[in-house]
PDB file of all heavy atoms in Angstrom:
ATOM      1  N   LEU A   1       0.828  -1.213   0.000  1.00  0.00           N
ATOM      2  CA  LEU A   1       0.000   0.000   0.000  1.00  0.00           C
ATOM      3  C   LEU A   1       0.856   1.255   0.000  1.00  0.00           C
ATOM      4  O   LEU A   1       0.503   2.263  -0.638  1.00  0.00           O
ATOM      5  CB  LEU A   1      -0.933  -0.005   1.213  1.00  0.00           C
ATOM      6  CG  LEU A   1      -2.035  -1.068   1.196  1.00  0.00           C
ATOM      7  CD1 LEU A   1      -2.820  -1.052   2.496  1.00  0.00           C
ATOM      8  CD2 LEU A   1      -2.975  -0.867   0.014  1.00  0.00           C
ATOM      9  N   PHE A   2       1.985   1.243   0.707  1.00  0.00           N
ATOM     10  CA  PHE A   2       2.898   2.387   0.704  1.00  0.00           C
ATOM     11  C   PHE A   2       3.434   2.602  -0.712  1.00  0.00           C
ATOM     12  O   PHE A   2       3.454   3.730  -1.229  1.00  0.00           O
ATOM     13  CB  PHE A   2       4.042   2.124   1.689  1.00  0.00           C
ATOM     14  CG  PHE A   2       4.806   3.363   2.119  1.00  0.00           C
ATOM     15  CD1 PHE A   2       5.732   3.288   3.155  1.00  0.00           C
ATOM     16  CD2 PHE A   2       4.627   4.605   1.510  1.00  0.00           C
ATOM     17  CE1 PHE A   2       6.436   4.407   3.583  1.00  0.00           C
ATOM     18  CE2 PHE A   2       5.329   5.735   1.920  1.00  0.00           C
ATOM     19  CZ  PHE A   2       6.239   5.628   2.952  1.00  0.00           C
ATOM     20  N   THR A   3       3.832   1.516  -1.359  1.00  0.00           N
ATOM     21  CA  THR A   3       4.353   1.612  -2.729  1.00  0.00           C
ATOM     22  C   THR A   3       3.272   2.076  -3.695  1.00  0.00           C
ATOM     23  O   THR A   3       3.518   2.926  -4.569  1.00  0.00           O
ATOM     24  CB  THR A   3       4.914   0.243  -3.168  1.00  0.00           C
ATOM     25  OG1 THR A   3       5.911  -0.179  -2.234  1.00  0.00           O
ATOM     26  CG2 THR A   3       5.537   0.328  -4.551  1.00  0.00           C
ATOM     27  N   ASP A   4       2.065   1.530  -3.553  1.00  0.00           N
ATOM     28  CA  ASP A   4       0.951   1.943  -4.422  1.00  0.00           C
ATOM     29  C   ASP A   4       0.669   3.439  -4.279  1.00  0.00           C
ATOM     30  O   ASP A   4       0.342   4.121  -5.268  1.00  0.00           O
ATOM     31  CB  ASP A   4      -0.320   1.159  -4.078  1.00  0.00           C
ATOM     32  CG  ASP A   4      -0.237  -0.300  -4.493  1.00  0.00           C
ATOM     33  OD1 ASP A   4       0.691  -0.661  -5.236  1.00  0.00           O
ATOM     34  OD2 ASP A   4      -1.103  -1.088  -4.063  1.00  0.00           O
ATOM     35  N   LYS A   5       0.782   3.959  -3.059  1.00  0.00           N
ATOM     36  CA  LYS A   5       0.489   5.374  -2.806  1.00  0.00           C
ATOM     37  C   LYS A   5       1.414   6.281  -3.605  1.00  0.00           C
ATOM     38  O   LYS A   5       1.003   7.358  -4.058  1.00  0.00           O
ATOM     39  CB  LYS A   5       0.621   5.671  -1.310  1.00  0.00           C
ATOM     40  CG  LYS A   5       0.214   7.087  -0.906  1.00  0.00           C
ATOM     41  CD  LYS A   5      -1.280   7.294  -1.057  1.00  0.00           C
ATOM     42  CE  LYS A   5      -1.700   8.706  -0.670  1.00  0.00           C
ATOM     43  NZ  LYS A   5      -3.152   8.910  -0.817  1.00  0.00           N
ATOM     44  N   LEU A   6       2.658   5.841  -3.795  1.00  0.00           N
ATOM     45  CA  LEU A   6       3.623   6.668  -4.532  1.00  0.00           C
ATOM     46  C   LEU A   6       3.141   6.946  -5.952  1.00  0.00           C
ATOM     47  O   LEU A   6       3.421   8.012  -6.517  1.00  0.00           O
ATOM     48  CB  LEU A   6       4.985   5.967  -4.578  1.00  0.00           C
ATOM     49  CG  LEU A   6       5.683   5.761  -3.227  1.00  0.00           C
ATOM     50  CD1 LEU A   6       6.943   4.931  -3.404  1.00  0.00           C
ATOM     51  CD2 LEU A   6       6.006   7.086  -2.575  1.00  0.00           C
ATOM     52  N   GLY A   7       2.390   5.995  -6.514  1.00  0.00           N
ATOM     53  CA  GLY A   7       1.881   6.175  -7.873  1.00  0.00           C
ATOM     54  C   GLY A   7       0.851   7.273  -7.996  1.00  0.00           C
ATOM     55  O   GLY A   7       0.545   7.732  -9.110  1.00  0.00           O
ATOM     56  N   GLU A   8       0.295   7.717  -6.872  1.00  0.00           N
ATOM     57  CA  GLU A   8      -0.723   8.776  -6.886  1.00  0.00           C
ATOM     58  C   GLU A   8      -0.126  10.179  -6.735  1.00  0.00           C
ATOM     59  O   GLU A   8      -0.846  11.167  -6.813  1.00  0.00           O
ATOM     60  CB  GLU A   8      -1.720   8.552  -5.742  1.00  0.00           C
ATOM     61  CG  GLU A   8      -2.444   7.211  -5.780  1.00  0.00           C
ATOM     62  CD  GLU A   8      -3.278   6.988  -4.532  1.00  0.00           C
ATOM     63  OE1 GLU A   8      -3.559   7.981  -3.821  1.00  0.00           O
ATOM     64  OE2 GLU A   8      -3.642   5.837  -4.248  1.00  0.00           O
ATOM     65  N   ILE A   9       1.188  10.257  -6.492  1.00  0.00           N
ATOM     66  CA  ILE A   9       1.801  11.539  -6.134  1.00  0.00           C
ATOM     67  C   ILE A   9       2.540  12.112  -7.327  1.00  0.00           C
ATOM     68  O   ILE A   9       3.495  11.514  -7.845  1.00  0.00           O
ATOM     69  CB  ILE A   9       2.745  11.364  -4.921  1.00  0.00           C
ATOM     70  CG1 ILE A   9       1.922  10.934  -3.705  1.00  0.00           C
ATOM     71  CG2 ILE A   9       3.512  12.644  -4.619  1.00  0.00           C
ATOM     72  CD1 ILE A   9       2.721  10.401  -2.564  1.00  0.00           C
ATOM     73  N   GLY A  10       2.096  13.297  -7.771  1.00  0.00           N
ATOM     74  CA  GLY A  10       2.676  13.927  -8.950  1.00  0.00           C
ATOM     75  C   GLY A  10       3.823  14.867  -8.651  1.00  0.00           C
ATOM     76  O   GLY A  10       4.721  15.038  -9.478  1.00  0.00           O
ATOM     77  N   ASP A  11       3.826  15.506  -7.498  1.00  0.00           N
ATOM     78  CA  ASP A  11       4.880  16.471  -7.141  1.00  0.00           C
ATOM     79  C   ASP A  11       6.227  15.741  -7.027  1.00  0.00           C
ATOM     80  O   ASP A  11       6.377  14.811  -6.241  1.00  0.00           O
ATOM     81  CB  ASP A  11       4.521  17.149  -5.812  1.00  0.00           C
ATOM     82  CG  ASP A  11       5.516  18.229  -5.429  1.00  0.00           C
ATOM     83  OD1 ASP A  11       6.616  17.876  -4.953  1.00  0.00           O
ATOM     84  OD2 ASP A  11       5.195  19.425  -5.585  1.00  0.00           O
ATOM     85  N   THR A  12       7.215  16.175  -7.807  1.00  0.00           N
ATOM     86  CA  THR A  12       8.483  15.429  -7.878  1.00  0.00           C
ATOM     87  C   THR A  12       9.260  15.470  -6.567  1.00  0.00           C
ATOM     88  O   THR A  12       9.839  14.457  -6.149  1.00  0.00           O
ATOM     89  CB  THR A  12       9.375  15.973  -9.015  1.00  0.00           C
ATOM     90  OG1 THR A  12       9.521  17.395  -8.852  1.00  0.00           O
ATOM     91  CG2 THR A  12       8.767  15.688 -10.376  1.00  0.00           C
ATOM     92  N   GLY A  13       9.280  16.630  -5.899  1.00  0.00           N
ATOM     93  CA  GLY A  13      10.010  16.735  -4.639  1.00  0.00           C
ATOM     94  C   GLY A  13       9.419  15.836  -3.575  1.00  0.00           C
ATOM     95  O   GLY A  13      10.150  15.108  -2.872  1.00  0.00           O
ATOM     96  N   VAL A  14       8.093  15.851  -3.458  1.00  0.00           N
ATOM     97  CA  VAL A  14       7.411  15.017  -2.470  1.00  0.00           C
ATOM     98  C   VAL A  14       7.556  13.543  -2.843  1.00  0.00           C
ATOM     99  O   VAL A  14       7.820  12.691  -1.980  1.00  0.00           O
ATOM    100  CB  VAL A  14       5.916  15.404  -2.365  1.00  0.00           C
ATOM    101  CG1 VAL A  14       5.148  14.398  -1.518  1.00  0.00           C
ATOM    102  CG2 VAL A  14       5.779  16.800  -1.774  1.00  0.00           C
ATOM    103  N   HIS A  15       7.412  13.248  -4.133  1.00  0.00           N
ATOM    104  CA  HIS A  15       7.537  11.852  -4.587  1.00  0.00           C
ATOM    105  C   HIS A  15       8.923  11.305  -4.254  1.00  0.00           C
ATOM    106  O   HIS A  15       9.066  10.164  -3.793  1.00  0.00           O
ATOM    107  CB  HIS A  15       7.281  11.759  -6.093  1.00  0.00           C
ATOM    108  CG  HIS A  15       7.210  10.348  -6.603  1.00  0.00           C
ATOM    109  ND1 HIS A  15       8.345   9.619  -6.905  1.00  0.00           N
ATOM    110  CD2 HIS A  15       6.156   9.522  -6.845  1.00  0.00           C
ATOM    111  CE1 HIS A  15       7.987   8.417  -7.320  1.00  0.00           C
ATOM    112  NE2 HIS A  15       6.670   8.330  -7.297  1.00  0.00           N
ATOM    113  N   SER A  16       9.938  12.117  -4.447  1.00  0.00           N
ATOM    114  CA  SER A  16      11.309  11.681  -4.200  1.00  0.00           C
ATOM    115  C   SER A  16      11.536  11.346  -2.730  1.00  0.00           C
ATOM    116  O   SER A  16      12.065  10.277  -2.396  1.00  0.00           O
ATOM    117  CB  SER A  16      12.286  12.776  -4.646  1.00  0.00           C
ATOM    118  OG  SER A  16      13.607  12.419  -4.297  1.00  0.00           O
ATOM    119  N   VAL A  17      11.098  12.234  -1.833  1.00  0.00           N
ATOM    120  CA  VAL A  17      11.357  12.004  -0.403  1.00  0.00           C
ATOM    121  C   VAL A  17      10.496  10.856   0.134  1.00  0.00           C
ATOM    122  O   VAL A  17      10.948  10.063   0.971  1.00  0.00           O
ATOM    123  CB  VAL A  17      11.168  13.302   0.409  1.00  0.00           C
ATOM    124  CG1 VAL A  17       9.700  13.665   0.581  1.00  0.00           C
ATOM    125  CG2 VAL A  17      11.859  13.199   1.764  1.00  0.00           C
ATOM    126  N   LEU A  18       9.254  10.719  -0.365  1.00  0.00           N
ATOM    127  CA  LEU A  18       8.412   9.600   0.078  1.00  0.00           C
ATOM    128  C   LEU A  18       8.931   8.268  -0.469  1.00  0.00           C
ATOM    129  O   LEU A  18       8.818   7.236   0.202  1.00  0.00           O
ATOM    130  CB  LEU A  18       6.963   9.817  -0.351  1.00  0.00           C
ATOM    131  CG  LEU A  18       6.162  10.846   0.446  1.00  0.00           C
ATOM    132  CD1 LEU A  18       4.709  10.870  -0.024  1.00  0.00           C
ATOM    133  CD2 LEU A  18       6.218  10.575   1.943  1.00  0.00           C
ATOM    134  N   SER A  19       9.512   8.289  -1.662  1.00  0.00           N
ATOM    135  CA  SER A  19      10.112   7.066  -2.211  1.00  0.00           C
ATOM    136  C   SER A  19      11.284   6.611  -1.342  1.00  0.00           C
ATOM    137  O   SER A  19      11.472   5.413  -1.106  1.00  0.00           O
ATOM    138  CB  SER A  19      10.592   7.296  -3.645  1.00  0.00           C
ATOM    139  OG  SER A  19       9.500   7.591  -4.500  1.00  0.00           O
ATOM    140  N   THR A  20      12.073   7.584  -0.888  1.00  0.00           N
ATOM    141  CA  THR A  20      13.189   7.259   0.014  1.00  0.00           C
ATOM    142  C   THR A  20      12.670   6.667   1.313  1.00  0.00           C
ATOM    143  O   THR A  20      13.212   5.678   1.827  1.00  0.00           O
ATOM    144  CB  THR A  20      14.020   8.524   0.305  1.00  0.00           C
ATOM    145  OG1 THR A  20      14.416   9.127  -0.931  1.00  0.00           O
ATOM    146  CG2 THR A  20      15.268   8.191   1.114  1.00  0.00           C
ATOM    147  N   LEU A  21      11.602   7.253   1.862  1.00  0.00           N
ATOM    148  CA  LEU A  21      10.993   6.722   3.089  1.00  0.00           C
ATOM    149  C   LEU A  21      10.451   5.311   2.869  1.00  0.00           C
ATOM    150  O   LEU A  21      10.636   4.426   3.713  1.00  0.00           O
ATOM    151  CB  LEU A  21       9.853   7.626   3.552  1.00  0.00           C
ATOM    152  CG  LEU A  21      10.172   8.832   4.435  1.00  0.00           C
ATOM    153  CD1 LEU A  21       8.897   9.604   4.718  1.00  0.00           C
ATOM    154  CD2 LEU A  21      10.841   8.414   5.739  1.00  0.00           C
ATOM    155  N   ALA A  22       9.759   5.109   1.756  1.00  0.00           N
ATOM    156  CA  ALA A  22       9.176   3.795   1.467  1.00  0.00           C
ATOM    157  C   ALA A  22      10.266   2.739   1.327  1.00  0.00           C
ATOM    158  O   ALA A  22      10.130   1.609   1.815  1.00  0.00           O
ATOM    159  CB  ALA A  22       8.324   3.859   0.201  1.00  0.00           C
ATOM    160  N   LEU A  23      11.368   3.108   0.666  1.00  0.00           N
ATOM    161  CA  LEU A  23      12.477   2.173   0.497  1.00  0.00           C
ATOM    162  C   LEU A  23      13.119   1.849   1.846  1.00  0.00           C
ATOM    163  O   LEU A  23      13.444   0.689   2.128  1.00  0.00           O
ATOM    164  CB  LEU A  23      13.514   2.763  -0.469  1.00  0.00           C
ATOM    165  CG  LEU A  23      14.609   1.827  -0.962  1.00  0.00           C
ATOM    166  CD1 LEU A  23      14.022   0.589  -1.620  1.00  0.00           C
ATOM    167  CD2 LEU A  23      15.534   2.562  -1.938  1.00  0.00           C
ATOM    168  N   LEU A  24      13.267   2.865   2.705  1.00  0.00           N
ATOM    169  CA  LEU A  24      13.827   2.625   4.036  1.00  0.00           C
ATOM    170  C   LEU A  24      12.916   1.702   4.844  1.00  0.00           C
ATOM    171  O   LEU A  24      13.388   0.747   5.487  1.00  0.00           O
ATOM    172  CB  LEU A  24      14.026   3.943   4.787  1.00  0.00           C
ATOM    173  CG  LEU A  24      14.526   3.801   6.231  1.00  0.00           C
ATOM    174  CD1 LEU A  24      15.902   3.150   6.270  1.00  0.00           C
ATOM    175  CD2 LEU A  24      14.563   5.155   6.940  1.00  0.00           C
ATOM    176  N   TYR A  25      11.606   1.978   4.816  1.00  0.00           N
ATOM    177  CA  TYR A  25      10.670   1.129   5.564  1.00  0.00           C
ATOM    178  C   TYR A  25      10.764  -0.326   5.095  1.00  0.00           C
ATOM    179  O   TYR A  25      10.795  -1.259   5.902  1.00  0.00           O
ATOM    180  CB  TYR A  25       9.233   1.633   5.396  1.00  0.00           C
ATOM    181  CG  TYR A  25       8.228   0.772   6.130  1.00  0.00           C
ATOM    182  CD1 TYR A  25       8.024   0.922   7.489  1.00  0.00           C
ATOM    183  CD2 TYR A  25       7.516  -0.224   5.461  1.00  0.00           C
ATOM    184  CE1 TYR A  25       7.131   0.105   8.184  1.00  0.00           C
ATOM    185  CE2 TYR A  25       6.619  -1.041   6.138  1.00  0.00           C
ATOM    186  CZ  TYR A  25       6.431  -0.870   7.498  1.00  0.00           C
ATOM    187  OH  TYR A  25       5.560  -1.694   8.178  1.00  0.00           O
ATOM    188  N   THR A  26      10.837  -0.504   3.785  1.00  0.00           N
ATOM    189  CA  THR A  26      10.844  -1.845   3.197  1.00  0.00           C
ATOM    190  C   THR A  26      12.138  -2.589   3.505  1.00  0.00           C
ATOM    191  O   THR A  26      12.116  -3.751   3.926  1.00  0.00           O
ATOM    192  CB  THR A  26      10.626  -1.737   1.676  1.00  0.00           C
ATOM    193  OG1 THR A  26       9.411  -1.006   1.425  1.00  0.00           O
ATOM    194  CG2 THR A  26      10.529  -3.096   1.030  1.00  0.00           C
ATOM    195  N   LEU A  27      13.280  -1.925   3.321  1.00  0.00           N
ATOM    196  CA  LEU A  27      14.574  -2.575   3.564  1.00  0.00           C
ATOM    197  C   LEU A  27      14.805  -2.816   5.056  1.00  0.00           C
ATOM    198  O   LEU A  27      15.361  -3.849   5.447  1.00  0.00           O
ATOM    199  CB  LEU A  27      15.710  -1.722   2.985  1.00  0.00           C
ATOM    200  CG  LEU A  27      15.748  -1.597   1.458  1.00  0.00           C
ATOM    201  CD1 LEU A  27      16.899  -0.696   1.027  1.00  0.00           C
ATOM    202  CD2 LEU A  27      15.857  -2.963   0.793  1.00  0.00           C
TER     203      LEU A  27
END
């Protein structure tokens, strides 16, 4: 669900930082 949420986010700055958070949570 965290990964799916990233697909809804268009703002590049926000998408970038949330992708980093999602990757940290997952790893």
